[in-house]
Protein backbone atom coordinates (compact mmCIF):
# COMPACT_ATOMS: atom_id res chain seq x y z
CA MET A 1 0.01 0.00 -0.12
CA GLU A 2 1.08 3.39 -0.95
CA LEU A 3 0.99 6.67 1.86
CA TYR A 4 2.31 9.96 0.58
CA ARG A 5 5.04 11.77 2.87
CA THR A 6 5.65 15.33 3.14
CA GLY A 7 8.63 16.86 4.96
CA TYR A 8 11.43 14.22 3.62
CA GLY A 9 14.52 15.24 1.58
CA GLY A 10 13.78 18.09 -0.99
CA MET A 11 10.82 16.70 -2.36
CA LEU A 12 7.36 18.37 -1.33
CA ILE A 13 5.21 15.20 -1.87
CA SER A 14 6.40 11.48 -2.31
CA ARG A 15 4.73 8.21 -2.50
CA VAL A 16 5.98 5.80 -0.15
CA GLU A 17 5.27 2.03 -0.14
CA VAL A 18 4.53 0.82 3.64
CA GLU A 19 3.93 -2.66 4.84
CA LYS A 20 1.36 -1.14 7.28
CA TYR A 21 0.32 1.83 9.47
CA ASP A 22 -2.20 2.72 12.39
CA LYS A 23 -2.54 6.11 13.62
CA LYS A 24 0.88 6.66 15.39
CA SER A 25 3.40 4.71 13.15
CA VAL A 26 4.28 3.42 9.73
CA TRP A 27 6.17 0.82 8.92
CA ILE A 28 8.37 1.09 5.84
CA LYS A 29 10.18 -1.26 3.53
CA ASP A 30 13.76 -0.44 2.83
CA ALA A 31 15.77 -1.17 -0.42
CA ASP A 32 17.08 -3.76 1.17
CA GLY A 33 14.21 -5.30 2.37
CA SER A 34 14.13 -4.92 6.09
CA VAL A 35 11.34 -3.13 7.57
CA PHE A 36 11.39 -0.16 9.86
CA LYS A 37 8.92 1.67 11.75
CA GLU A 38 8.85 5.29 11.63
CA LYS A 39 6.34 8.16 13.47
CA LYS A 40 3.09 8.83 11.72
CA HIS A 41 3.63 12.41 12.28
CA SER A 42 7.09 13.83 13.42
CA GLY A 43 8.66 17.27 13.46
CA PHE A 44 10.70 15.60 10.29
CA ASN A 45 8.22 14.21 8.10
CA ASP A 46 4.55 13.09 7.88
CA PHE A 47 2.68 10.58 6.29
CA TRP A 48 -0.93 10.81 4.29
CA GLU A 49 -3.48 8.17 3.20
CA THR A 50 -4.50 10.71 0.20
CA LEU A 51 -2.34 12.89 -1.99
CA ASN A 52 -5.51 15.87 -1.33
CA GLU A 53 -4.55 15.20 2.67
CA ALA A 54 -0.84 15.92 2.01
CA LYS A 55 -1.68 19.10 -0.23
CA LYS A 56 -3.80 20.54 2.28
CA HIS A 57 -1.42 19.98 4.82
CA LEU A 58 1.43 21.31 2.86
CA ARG A 59 -0.98 24.62 1.93
CA GLU A 60 -1.55 25.35 5.53
CA SER A 61 2.07 24.93 6.56
CA ILE A 62 3.19 27.14 3.85
CA ASN A 63 0.68 29.74 4.19
CA GLU A 64 1.40 30.04 8.00
CA ASN A 65 5.22 30.56 7.15
CA ILE A 66 4.46 33.30 4.59
CA SER A 67 1.76 34.95 7.19
CA ARG A 68 4.86 34.84 10.07
CA HIS A 69 7.20 35.85 7.31
CA ARG A 70 5.20 39.08 6.34
CA GLN A 71 4.67 40.13 10.12
CA GLY A 72 8.56 39.68 10.36
CA ILE A 73 9.13 41.82 7.45
CA LYS A 74 6.51 44.57 9.42
CA LYS A 75 8.28 44.28 12.39
CA HIS A 76 12.01 45.02 10.65
CA GLN A 77 10.48 47.80 8.34
CA SER A 78 8.86 49.54 11.48
CA ALA A 79 12.34 49.23 12.89
CA LEU A 80 13.74 51.00 10.00
CA ILE A 81 11.17 53.94 10.05
CA GLU A 82 12.11 54.01 13.98
CA LEU A 83 15.80 54.53 12.97
CA LYS A 84 15.49 57.28 10.75
CA LYS A 85 14.73 59.29 14.04
CA TYR A 86 18.37 58.93 15.34
């Protein structure tokens, strides 16, 4: 069966063959045939049942990052304006 992984390597979304999965974990078969367990959702990567779920997660994450960076830009622009007073 396949799941969709986000947050791994340089790819936005990749399809991954898994042996099995549950709410918390996925079991992935490595290239040499060994199976290893990973968290389904971690700070490193996330696994999704559908492509649409993966895309939704990335869209929300990207929009949050854009919003955070816009707030940072506004803060720095205000600092530059404040600096002109000196």
